[in-house]
Amino acid sequence: MLQGTLDLLILQTLVLGPAHGHTIAHAIERRSEDVLQVEHGSLYPALHRLEDRRWIASFWGTSENNRKARYYRLTAAGRKQLTEQTGRWDRLVHAVNRVLRPAE
């Protein structure tokens, strides 16, 4: 994945509501039709980075299988960042497509 892409995908996933790490990874994989695979070695550092930036916040809850799990939710600052990063992503994709497909 391009640098910063995982952050954007995590923020977008949390728009739907709070989730724990396993659910976030699974949602990204499912929504990408398994093209994107989220490794735990990448996911948790990204979650900590986003929390340090105050774009997400965490709290403890109980998972679907009745285990204690750390849940993450999007903050107002994270929602704003998601809007900004989505705009940047759209511009990047458009620019790359102009190079790859100049005749279209």
PDB file of N, CA and C in Angstrom:
ATOM      1  N   MET A   1       0.844  -1.188   0.000  1.00  0.00           N
ATOM      2  CA  MET A   1       0.000   0.000   0.000  1.00  0.00           C
ATOM      3  C   MET A   1       0.877   1.234   0.000  1.00  0.00           C
ATOM      4  N   LEU A   2       0.390   2.271  -0.633  1.00  0.00           N
ATOM      5  CA  LEU A   2       1.097   3.547  -0.594  1.00  0.00           C
ATOM      6  C   LEU A   2       1.104   4.077   0.828  1.00  0.00           C
ATOM      7  N   GLN A   3       2.153   4.807   1.165  1.00  0.00           N
ATOM      8  CA  GLN A   3       2.249   5.370   2.508  1.00  0.00           C
ATOM      9  C   GLN A   3       1.037   6.264   2.783  1.00  0.00           C
ATOM     10  N   GLY A   4       0.445   6.095   3.940  1.00  0.00           N
ATOM     11  CA  GLY A   4      -0.718   6.892   4.326  1.00  0.00           C
ATOM     12  C   GLY A   4      -2.047   6.285   3.926  1.00  0.00           C
ATOM     13  N   THR A   5      -2.006   5.312   3.023  1.00  0.00           N
ATOM     14  CA  THR A   5      -3.253   4.704   2.554  1.00  0.00           C
ATOM     15  C   THR A   5      -3.966   3.954   3.671  1.00  0.00           C
ATOM     16  N   LEU A   6      -3.218   3.220   4.474  1.00  0.00           N
ATOM     17  CA  LEU A   6      -3.834   2.470   5.567  1.00  0.00           C
ATOM     18  C   LEU A   6      -4.539   3.411   6.534  1.00  0.00           C
ATOM     19  N   ASP A   7      -3.926   4.549   6.839  1.00  0.00           N
ATOM     20  CA  ASP A   7      -4.570   5.526   7.726  1.00  0.00           C
ATOM     21  C   ASP A   7      -5.918   5.950   7.162  1.00  0.00           C
ATOM     22  N   LEU A   8      -5.941   6.261   5.876  1.00  0.00           N
ATOM     23  CA  LEU A   8      -7.171   6.684   5.216  1.00  0.00           C
ATOM     24  C   LEU A   8      -8.229   5.581   5.281  1.00  0.00           C
ATOM     25  N   LEU A   9      -7.826   4.348   5.037  1.00  0.00           N
ATOM     26  CA  LEU A   9      -8.766   3.229   5.067  1.00  0.00           C
ATOM     27  C   LEU A   9      -9.314   2.980   6.469  1.00  0.00           C
ATOM     28  N   ILE A  10      -8.463   3.131   7.474  1.00  0.00           N
ATOM     29  CA  ILE A  10      -8.925   2.971   8.858  1.00  0.00           C
ATOM     30  C   ILE A  10      -9.939   4.055   9.195  1.00  0.00           C
ATOM     31  N   LEU A  11      -9.620   5.292   8.876  1.00  0.00           N
ATOM     32  CA  LEU A  11     -10.549   6.396   9.170  1.00  0.00           C
ATOM     33  C   LEU A  11     -11.889   6.157   8.478  1.00  0.00           C
ATOM     34  N   GLN A  12     -11.853   5.743   7.222  1.00  0.00           N
ATOM     35  CA  GLN A  12     -13.099   5.499   6.484  1.00  0.00           C
ATOM     36  C   GLN A  12     -13.893   4.358   7.109  1.00  0.00           C
ATOM     37  N   THR A  13     -13.202   3.320   7.545  1.00  0.00           N
ATOM     38  CA  THR A  13     -13.883   2.187   8.173  1.00  0.00           C
ATOM     39  C   THR A  13     -14.588   2.614   9.454  1.00  0.00           C
ATOM     40  N   LEU A  14     -13.971   3.509  10.207  1.00  0.00           N
ATOM     41  CA  LEU A  14     -14.554   3.944  11.481  1.00  0.00           C
ATOM     42  C   LEU A  14     -15.703   4.938  11.314  1.00  0.00           C
ATOM     43  N   VAL A  15     -15.945   5.403  10.095  1.00  0.00           N
ATOM     44  CA  VAL A  15     -17.126   6.248   9.846  1.00  0.00           C
ATOM     45  C   VAL A  15     -18.390   5.463  10.187  1.00  0.00           C
ATOM     46  N   LEU A  16     -18.337   4.164   9.977  1.00  0.00           N
ATOM     47  CA  LEU A  16     -19.501   3.301  10.213  1.00  0.00           C
ATOM     48  C   LEU A  16     -19.787   3.082  11.694  1.00  0.00           C
ATOM     49  N   GLY A  17     -18.801   3.412  12.549  1.00  0.00           N
ATOM     50  CA  GLY A  17     -18.980   3.252  13.978  1.00  0.00           C
ATOM     51  C   GLY A  17     -17.753   2.618  14.601  1.00  0.00           C
ATOM     52  N   PRO A  18     -17.722   2.572  15.936  1.00  0.00           N
ATOM     53  CA  PRO A  18     -16.571   2.010  16.638  1.00  0.00           C
ATOM     54  C   PRO A  18     -16.331   0.548  16.257  1.00  0.00           C
ATOM     55  N   ALA A  19     -15.052   0.160  16.267  1.00  0.00           N
ATOM     56  CA  ALA A  19     -14.694  -1.223  15.943  1.00  0.00           C
ATOM     57  C   ALA A  19     -13.357  -1.556  16.594  1.00  0.00           C
ATOM     58  N   HIS A  20     -13.129  -2.840  16.822  1.00  0.00           N
ATOM     59  CA  HIS A  20     -11.823  -3.248  17.333  1.00  0.00           C
ATOM     60  C   HIS A  20     -10.930  -3.608  16.149  1.00  0.00           C
ATOM     61  N   GLY A  21      -9.641  -3.792  16.415  1.00  0.00           N
ATOM     62  CA  GLY A  21      -8.654  -3.978  15.356  1.00  0.00           C
ATOM     63  C   GLY A  21      -8.981  -5.084  14.379  1.00  0.00           C
ATOM     64  N   HIS A  22      -9.366  -6.246  14.886  1.00  0.00           N
ATOM     65  CA  HIS A  22      -9.667  -7.375  14.003  1.00  0.00           C
ATOM     66  C   HIS A  22     -10.817  -7.026  13.055  1.00  0.00           C
ATOM     67  N   THR A  23     -11.817  -6.367  13.565  1.00  0.00           N
ATOM     68  CA  THR A  23     -12.969  -5.977  12.739  1.00  0.00           C
ATOM     69  C   THR A  23     -12.565  -4.956  11.689  1.00  0.00           C
ATOM     70  N   ILE A  24     -11.705  -4.012  12.062  1.00  0.00           N
ATOM     71  CA  ILE A  24     -11.229  -3.001  11.102  1.00  0.00           C
ATOM     72  C   ILE A  24     -10.491  -3.692   9.959  1.00  0.00           C
ATOM     73  N   ALA A  25      -9.554  -4.581  10.301  1.00  0.00           N
ATOM     74  CA  ALA A  25      -8.784  -5.293   9.271  1.00  0.00           C
ATOM     75  C   ALA A  25      -9.710  -6.100   8.363  1.00  0.00           C
ATOM     76  N   HIS A  26     -10.638  -6.818   8.968  1.00  0.00           N
ATOM     77  CA  HIS A  26     -11.565  -7.650   8.198  1.00  0.00           C
ATOM     78  C   HIS A  26     -12.443  -6.789   7.283  1.00  0.00           C
ATOM     79  N   ALA A  27     -12.901  -5.647   7.770  1.00  0.00           N
ATOM     80  CA  ALA A  27     -13.758  -4.770   6.956  1.00  0.00           C
ATOM     81  C   ALA A  27     -12.999  -4.249   5.734  1.00  0.00           C
ATOM     82  N   ILE A  28     -11.752  -3.856   5.927  1.00  0.00           N
ATOM     83  CA  ILE A  28     -10.946  -3.366   4.802  1.00  0.00           C
ATOM     84  C   ILE A  28     -10.738  -4.479   3.781  1.00  0.00           C
ATOM     85  N   GLU A  29     -10.412  -5.661   4.255  1.00  0.00           N
ATOM     86  CA  GLU A  29     -10.211  -6.792   3.357  1.00  0.00           C
ATOM     87  C   GLU A  29     -11.491  -7.142   2.607  1.00  0.00           C
ATOM     88  N   ARG A  30     -12.600  -7.206   3.317  1.00  0.00           N
ATOM     89  CA  ARG A  30     -13.888  -7.558   2.702  1.00  0.00           C
ATOM     90  C   ARG A  30     -14.323  -6.511   1.681  1.00  0.00           C
ATOM     91  N   ARG A  31     -14.218  -5.225   2.063  1.00  0.00           N
ATOM     92  CA  ARG A  31     -14.675  -4.161   1.164  1.00  0.00           C
ATOM     93  C   ARG A  31     -13.788  -4.026  -0.070  1.00  0.00           C
ATOM     94  N   SER A  32     -12.539  -4.494   0.028  1.00  0.00           N
ATOM     95  CA  SER A  32     -11.638  -4.463  -1.133  1.00  0.00           C
ATOM     96  C   SER A  32     -11.697  -5.780  -1.911  1.00  0.00           C
ATOM     97  N   GLU A  33     -12.636  -6.642  -1.550  1.00  0.00           N
ATOM     98  CA  GLU A  33     -12.776  -7.975  -2.147  1.00  0.00           C
ATOM     99  C   GLU A  33     -11.474  -8.757  -2.013  1.00  0.00           C
ATOM    100  N   ASP A  34     -10.851  -8.633  -0.844  1.00  0.00           N
ATOM    101  CA  ASP A  34      -9.622  -9.340  -0.467  1.00  0.00           C
ATOM    102  C   ASP A  34      -8.397  -8.950  -1.291  1.00  0.00           C
ATOM    103  N   VAL A  35      -8.469  -7.844  -2.009  1.00  0.00           N
ATOM    104  CA  VAL A  35      -7.288  -7.344  -2.715  1.00  0.00           C
ATOM    105  C   VAL A  35      -6.307  -6.763  -1.702  1.00  0.00           C
ATOM    106  N   LEU A  36      -6.833  -6.047  -0.717  1.00  0.00           N
ATOM    107  CA  LEU A  36      -5.997  -5.442   0.319  1.00  0.00           C
ATOM    108  C   LEU A  36      -5.976  -6.356   1.537  1.00  0.00           C
ATOM    109  N   GLN A  37      -4.800  -6.750   1.949  1.00  0.00           N
ATOM    110  CA  GLN A  37      -4.622  -7.578   3.137  1.00  0.00           C
ATOM    111  C   GLN A  37      -3.966  -6.710   4.205  1.00  0.00           C
ATOM    112  N   VAL A  38      -4.590  -6.622   5.358  1.00  0.00           N
ATOM    113  CA  VAL A  38      -4.081  -5.786   6.442  1.00  0.00           C
ATOM    114  C   VAL A  38      -3.364  -6.664   7.455  1.00  0.00           C
ATOM    115  N   GLU A  39      -2.069  -6.491   7.554  1.00  0.00           N
ATOM    116  CA  GLU A  39      -1.265  -7.245   8.503  1.00  0.00           C
ATOM    117  C   GLU A  39      -1.342  -6.580   9.874  1.00  0.00           C
ATOM    118  N   HIS A  40      -1.412  -7.386  10.913  1.00  0.00           N
ATOM    119  CA  HIS A  40      -1.488  -6.838  12.272  1.00  0.00           C
ATOM    120  C   HIS A  40      -0.243  -6.024  12.607  1.00  0.00           C
ATOM    121  N   GLY A  41       0.899  -6.385  12.004  1.00  0.00           N
ATOM    122  CA  GLY A  41       2.130  -5.640  12.222  1.00  0.00           C
ATOM    123  C   GLY A  41       2.085  -4.240  11.648  1.00  0.00           C
ATOM    124  N   SER A  42       1.163  -3.980  10.740  1.00  0.00           N
ATOM    125  CA  SER A  42       0.951  -2.640  10.182  1.00  0.00           C
ATOM    126  C   SER A  42      -0.242  -1.953  10.827  1.00  0.00           C
ATOM    127  N   LEU A  43      -1.278  -2.741  11.117  1.00  0.00           N
ATOM    128  CA  LEU A  43      -2.521  -2.177  11.627  1.00  0.00           C
ATOM    129  C   LEU A  43      -2.347  -1.499  12.988  1.00  0.00           C
ATOM    130  N   TYR A  44      -1.774  -2.206  13.941  1.00  0.00           N
ATOM    131  CA  TYR A  44      -1.725  -1.650  15.298  1.00  0.00           C
ATOM    132  C   TYR A  44      -0.809  -0.438  15.427  1.00  0.00           C
ATOM    133  N   PRO A  45       0.347  -0.399  14.753  1.00  0.00           N
ATOM    134  CA  PRO A  45       1.113   0.857  14.770  1.00  0.00           C
ATOM    135  C   PRO A  45       0.324   2.020  14.142  1.00  0.00           C
ATOM    136  N   ALA A  46      -0.447   1.722  13.093  1.00  0.00           N
ATOM    137  CA  ALA A  46      -1.265   2.772  12.471  1.00  0.00           C
ATOM    138  C   ALA A  46      -2.348   3.251  13.435  1.00  0.00           C
ATOM    139  N   LEU A  47      -2.995   2.331  14.137  1.00  0.00           N
ATOM    140  CA  LEU A  47      -4.015   2.715  15.113  1.00  0.00           C
ATOM    141  C   LEU A  47      -3.412   3.583  16.218  1.00  0.00           C
ATOM    142  N   HIS A  48      -2.232   3.215  16.697  1.00  0.00           N
ATOM    143  CA  HIS A  48      -1.571   4.012  17.749  1.00  0.00           C
ATOM    144  C   HIS A  48      -1.188   5.395  17.218  1.00  0.00           C
ATOM    145  N   ARG A  49      -0.702   5.447  15.978  1.00  0.00           N
ATOM    146  CA  ARG A  49      -0.333   6.725  15.350  1.00  0.00           C
ATOM    147  C   ARG A  49      -1.573   7.633  15.220  1.00  0.00           C
ATOM    148  N   LEU A  50      -2.679   7.061  14.764  1.00  0.00           N
ATOM    149  CA  LEU A  50      -3.910   7.845  14.607  1.00  0.00           C
ATOM    150  C   LEU A  50      -4.428   8.315  15.964  1.00  0.00           C
ATOM    151  N   GLU A  51      -4.274   7.478  16.965  1.00  0.00           N
ATOM    152  CA  GLU A  51      -4.706   7.869  18.308  1.00  0.00           C
ATOM    153  C   GLU A  51      -3.806   8.975  18.861  1.00  0.00           C
ATOM    154  N   ASP A  52      -2.502   8.878  18.623  1.00  0.00           N
ATOM    155  CA  ASP A  52      -1.579   9.933  19.056  1.00  0.00           C
ATOM    156  C   ASP A  52      -1.917  11.272  18.410  1.00  0.00           C
ATOM    157  N   ARG A  53      -2.398  11.223  17.173  1.00  0.00           N
ATOM    158  CA  ARG A  53      -2.785  12.445  16.449  1.00  0.00           C
ATOM    159  C   ARG A  53      -4.183  12.926  16.833  1.00  0.00           C
ATOM    160  N   ARG A  54      -4.859  12.140  17.674  1.00  0.00           N
ATOM    161  CA  ARG A  54      -6.213  12.434  18.141  1.00  0.00           C
ATOM    162  C   ARG A  54      -7.264  12.383  17.021  1.00  0.00           C
ATOM    163  N   TRP A  55      -6.971  11.579  15.995  1.00  0.00           N
ATOM    164  CA  TRP A  55      -7.930  11.381  14.912  1.00  0.00           C
ATOM    165  C   TRP A  55      -8.881  10.239  15.247  1.00  0.00           C
ATOM    166  N   ILE A  56      -8.445   9.373  16.163  1.00  0.00           N
ATOM    167  CA  ILE A  56      -9.303   8.329  16.696  1.00  0.00           C
ATOM    168  C   ILE A  56      -9.101   8.287  18.207  1.00  0.00           C
ATOM    169  N   ALA A  57     -10.057   7.702  18.896  1.00  0.00           N
ATOM    170  CA  ALA A  57      -9.953   7.508  20.344  1.00  0.00           C
ATOM    171  C   ALA A  57     -10.289   6.053  20.623  1.00  0.00           C
ATOM    172  N   SER A  58      -9.746   5.522  21.710  1.00  0.00           N
ATOM    173  CA  SER A  58     -10.003   4.120  22.031  1.00  0.00           C
ATOM    174  C   SER A  58     -10.687   3.979  23.382  1.00  0.00           C
ATOM    175  N   PHE A  59     -11.343   2.856  23.536  1.00  0.00           N
ATOM    176  CA  PHE A  59     -11.986   2.513  24.808  1.00  0.00           C
ATOM    177  C   PHE A  59     -12.090   0.993  24.871  1.00  0.00           C
ATOM    178  N   TRP A  60     -12.220   0.465  26.067  1.00  0.00           N
ATOM    179  CA  TRP A  60     -12.338  -0.974  26.251  1.00  0.00           C
ATOM    180  C   TRP A  60     -13.803  -1.397  26.212  1.00  0.00           C
ATOM    181  N   GLY A  61     -14.051  -2.518  25.554  1.00  0.00           N
ATOM    182  CA  GLY A  61     -15.395  -3.059  25.478  1.00  0.00           C
ATOM    183  C   GLY A  61     -15.325  -4.571  25.376  1.00  0.00           C
ATOM    184  N   THR A  62     -16.465  -5.187  25.123  1.00  0.00           N
ATOM    185  CA  THR A  62     -16.554  -6.634  24.988  1.00  0.00           C
ATOM    186  C   THR A  62     -16.829  -6.983  23.533  1.00  0.00           C
ATOM    187  N   SER A  63     -16.026  -7.891  22.989  1.00  0.00           N
ATOM    188  CA  SER A  63     -16.169  -8.277  21.584  1.00  0.00           C
ATOM    189  C   SER A  63     -17.354  -9.225  21.400  1.00  0.00           C
ATOM    190  N   GLU A  64     -17.585  -9.587  20.136  1.00  0.00           N
ATOM    191  CA  GLU A  64     -18.689 -10.477  19.788  1.00  0.00           C
ATOM    192  C   GLU A  64     -18.555 -11.836  20.478  1.00  0.00           C
ATOM    193  N   ASN A  65     -17.313 -12.287  20.700  1.00  0.00           N
ATOM    194  CA  ASN A  65     -17.107 -13.581  21.346  1.00  0.00           C
ATOM    195  C   ASN A  65     -16.857 -13.444  22.851  1.00  0.00           C
ATOM    196  N   ASN A  66     -17.355 -12.343  23.409  1.00  0.00           N
ATOM    197  CA  ASN A  66     -17.354 -12.117  24.861  1.00  0.00           C
ATOM    198  C   ASN A  66     -15.958 -11.942  25.465  1.00  0.00           C
ATOM    199  N   ARG A  67     -15.034 -11.413  24.678  1.00  0.00           N
ATOM    200  CA  ARG A  67     -13.689 -11.136  25.180  1.00  0.00           C
ATOM    201  C   ARG A  67     -13.499  -9.628  25.293  1.00  0.00           C
ATOM    202  N   LYS A  68     -12.622  -9.247  26.212  1.00  0.00           N
ATOM    203  CA  LYS A  68     -12.290  -7.840  26.373  1.00  0.00           C
ATOM    204  C   LYS A  68     -11.497  -7.397  25.143  1.00  0.00           C
ATOM    205  N   ALA A  69     -11.886  -6.275  24.542  1.00  0.00           N
ATOM    206  CA  ALA A  69     -11.221  -5.790  23.330  1.00  0.00           C
ATOM    207  C   ALA A  69     -11.145  -4.269  23.350  1.00  0.00           C
ATOM    208  N   ARG A  70     -10.110  -3.761  22.722  1.00  0.00           N
ATOM    209  CA  ARG A  70      -9.961  -2.315  22.607  1.00  0.00           C
ATOM    210  C   ARG A  70     -10.671  -1.871  21.332  1.00  0.00           C
ATOM    211  N   TYR A  71     -11.605  -0.959  21.484  1.00  0.00           N
ATOM    212  CA  TYR A  71     -12.370  -0.430  20.366  1.00  0.00           C
ATOM    213  C   TYR A  71     -11.853   0.957  20.017  1.00  0.00           C
ATOM    214  N   TYR A  72     -11.993   1.294  18.750  1.00  0.00           N
ATOM    215  CA  TYR A  72     -11.553   2.593  18.261  1.00  0.00           C
ATOM    216  C   TYR A  72     -12.743   3.301  17.634  1.00  0.00           C
ATOM    217  N   ARG A  73     -12.787   4.619  17.826  1.00  0.00           N
ATOM    218  CA  ARG A  73     -13.854   5.422  17.214  1.00  0.00           C
ATOM    219  C   ARG A  73     -13.231   6.653  16.573  1.00  0.00           C
ATOM    220  N   LEU A  74     -13.896   7.165  15.578  1.00  0.00           N
ATOM    221  CA  LEU A  74     -13.455   8.361  14.873  1.00  0.00           C
ATOM    222  C   LEU A  74     -13.782   9.592  15.714  1.00  0.00           C
ATOM    223  N   THR A  75     -12.845  10.533  15.806  1.00  0.00           N
ATOM    224  CA  THR A  75     -13.099  11.796  16.509  1.00  0.00           C
ATOM    225  C   THR A  75     -13.492  12.856  15.491  1.00  0.00           C
ATOM    226  N   ALA A  76     -13.899  14.013  15.971  1.00  0.00           N
ATOM    227  CA  ALA A  76     -14.232  15.123  15.073  1.00  0.00           C
ATOM    228  C   ALA A  76     -13.005  15.511  14.243  1.00  0.00           C
ATOM    229  N   ALA A  77     -11.845  15.538  14.883  1.00  0.00           N
ATOM    230  CA  ALA A  77     -10.610  15.857  14.151  1.00  0.00           C
ATOM    231  C   ALA A  77     -10.319  14.792  13.096  1.00  0.00           C
ATOM    232  N   GLY A  78     -10.615  13.540  13.409  1.00  0.00           N
ATOM    233  CA  GLY A  78     -10.423  12.451  12.461  1.00  0.00           C
ATOM    234  C   GLY A  78     -11.364  12.552  11.280  1.00  0.00           C
ATOM    235  N   ARG A  79     -12.582  12.963  11.548  1.00  0.00           N
ATOM    236  CA  ARG A  79     -13.567  13.141  10.471  1.00  0.00           C
ATOM    237  C   ARG A  79     -13.098  14.244   9.513  1.00  0.00           C
ATOM    238  N   LYS A  80     -12.565  15.319  10.080  1.00  0.00           N
ATOM    239  CA  LYS A  80     -12.042  16.420   9.263  1.00  0.00           C
ATOM    240  C   LYS A  80     -10.840  15.934   8.446  1.00  0.00           C
ATOM    241  N   GLN A  81      -9.957  15.179   9.089  1.00  0.00           N
ATOM    242  CA  GLN A  81      -8.779  14.649   8.409  1.00  0.00           C
ATOM    243  C   GLN A  81      -9.184  13.697   7.291  1.00  0.00           C
ATOM    244  N   LEU A  82     -10.201  12.897   7.525  1.00  0.00           N
ATOM    245  CA  LEU A  82     -10.689  11.975   6.504  1.00  0.00           C
ATOM    246  C   LEU A  82     -11.137  12.738   5.265  1.00  0.00           C
ATOM    247  N   THR A  83     -11.858  13.821   5.457  1.00  0.00           N
ATOM    248  CA  THR A  83     -12.309  14.641   4.330  1.00  0.00           C
ATOM    249  C   THR A  83     -11.116  15.187   3.555  1.00  0.00           C
ATOM    250  N   GLU A  84     -10.125  15.708   4.281  1.00  0.00           N
ATOM    251  CA  GLU A  84      -8.932  16.271   3.630  1.00  0.00           C
ATOM    252  C   GLU A  84      -8.151  15.187   2.885  1.00  0.00           C
ATOM    253  N   GLN A  85      -7.940  14.039   3.535  1.00  0.00           N
ATOM    254  CA  GLN A  85      -7.161  12.976   2.909  1.00  0.00           C
ATOM    255  C   GLN A  85      -7.882  12.350   1.722  1.00  0.00           C
ATOM    256  N   THR A  86      -9.201  12.279   1.787  1.00  0.00           N
ATOM    257  CA  THR A  86      -9.971  11.747   0.668  1.00  0.00           C
ATOM    258  C   THR A  86      -9.823  12.654  -0.544  1.00  0.00           C
ATOM    259  N   GLY A  87      -9.840  13.961  -0.320  1.00  0.00           N
ATOM    260  CA  GLY A  87      -9.623  14.918  -1.410  1.00  0.00           C
ATOM    261  C   GLY A  87      -8.246  14.761  -2.029  1.00  0.00           C
ATOM    262  N   ARG A  88      -7.230  14.612  -1.174  1.00  0.00           N
ATOM    263  CA  ARG A  88      -5.862  14.396  -1.678  1.00  0.00           C
ATOM    264  C   ARG A  88      -5.773  13.096  -2.464  1.00  0.00           C
ATOM    265  N   TRP A  89      -6.398  12.037  -1.951  1.00  0.00           N
ATOM    266  CA  TRP A  89      -6.388  10.745  -2.637  1.00  0.00           C
ATOM    267  C   TRP A  89      -7.035  10.860  -4.017  1.00  0.00           C
ATOM    268  N   ASP A  90      -8.178  11.536  -4.085  1.00  0.00           N
ATOM    269  CA  ASP A  90      -8.877  11.705  -5.364  1.00  0.00           C
ATOM    270  C   ASP A  90      -7.992  12.440  -6.369  1.00  0.00           C
ATOM    271  N   ARG A  91      -7.290  13.480  -5.905  1.00  0.00           N
ATOM    272  CA  ARG A  91      -6.396  14.228  -6.797  1.00  0.00           C
ATOM    273  C   ARG A  91      -5.232  13.352  -7.258  1.00  0.00           C
ATOM    274  N   LEU A  92      -4.676  12.546  -6.352  1.00  0.00           N
ATOM    275  CA  LEU A  92      -3.570  11.656  -6.695  1.00  0.00           C
ATOM    276  C   LEU A  92      -4.004  10.620  -7.731  1.00  0.00           C
ATOM    277  N   VAL A  93      -5.137   9.986  -7.512  1.00  0.00           N
ATOM    278  CA  VAL A  93      -5.637   8.976  -8.450  1.00  0.00           C
ATOM    279  C   VAL A  93      -5.884   9.606  -9.820  1.00  0.00           C
ATOM    280  N   HIS A  94      -6.462  10.792  -9.835  1.00  0.00           N
ATOM    281  CA  HIS A  94      -6.731  11.489 -11.091  1.00  0.00           C
ATOM    282  C   HIS A  94      -5.420  11.791 -11.831  1.00  0.00           C
ATOM    283  N   ALA A  95      -4.407  12.250 -11.101  1.00  0.00           N
ATOM    284  CA  ALA A  95      -3.114  12.573 -11.705  1.00  0.00           C
ATOM    285  C   ALA A  95      -2.435  11.329 -12.263  1.00  0.00           C
ATOM    286  N   VAL A  96      -2.446  10.243 -11.505  1.00  0.00           N
ATOM    287  CA  VAL A  96      -1.830   8.999 -11.971  1.00  0.00           C
ATOM    288  C   VAL A  96      -2.558   8.491 -13.213  1.00  0.00           C
ATOM    289  N   ASN A  97      -3.870   8.570 -13.224  1.00  0.00           N
ATOM    290  CA  ASN A  97      -4.638   8.131 -14.395  1.00  0.00           C
ATOM    291  C   ASN A  97      -4.338   8.983 -15.625  1.00  0.00           C
ATOM    292  N   ARG A  98      -4.072  10.261 -15.422  1.00  0.00           N
ATOM    293  CA  ARG A  98      -3.714  11.121 -16.561  1.00  0.00           C
ATOM    294  C   ARG A  98      -2.394  10.663 -17.180  1.00  0.00           C
ATOM    295  N   VAL A  99      -1.478  10.169 -16.355  1.00  0.00           N
ATOM    296  CA  VAL A  99      -0.196   9.670 -16.864  1.00  0.00           C
ATOM    297  C   VAL A  99      -0.362   8.299 -17.507  1.00  0.00           C
ATOM    298  N   LEU A 100      -1.102   7.415 -16.851  1.00  0.00           N
ATOM    299  CA  LEU A 100      -1.268   6.051 -17.358  1.00  0.00           C
ATOM    300  C   LEU A 100      -2.162   5.969 -18.591  1.00  0.00           C
ATOM    301  N   ARG A 101      -3.149   6.829 -18.654  1.00  0.00           N
ATOM    302  CA  ARG A 101      -4.136   6.771 -19.749  1.00  0.00           C
ATOM    303  C   ARG A 101      -4.308   8.169 -20.375  1.00  0.00           C
ATOM    304  N   PRO A 102      -3.267   8.684 -21.014  1.00  0.00           N
ATOM    305  CA  PRO A 102      -3.327  10.057 -21.529  1.00  0.00           C
ATOM    306  C   PRO A 102      -4.385  10.279 -22.618  1.00  0.00           C
ATOM    307  N   ALA A 103      -4.755   9.249 -23.356  1.00  0.00           N
ATOM    308  CA  ALA A 103      -5.693   9.414 -24.468  1.00  0.00           C
ATOM    309  C   ALA A 103      -7.149   9.403 -24.018  1.00  0.00           C
ATOM    310  N   GLU A 104      -7.408   8.915 -22.827  1.00  0.00           N
ATOM    311  CA  GLU A 104      -8.808   8.770 -22.388  1.00  0.00           C
ATOM    312  C   GLU A 104      -9.370  10.048 -21.850  1.00  0.00           C
TER     313      GLU A 104
END
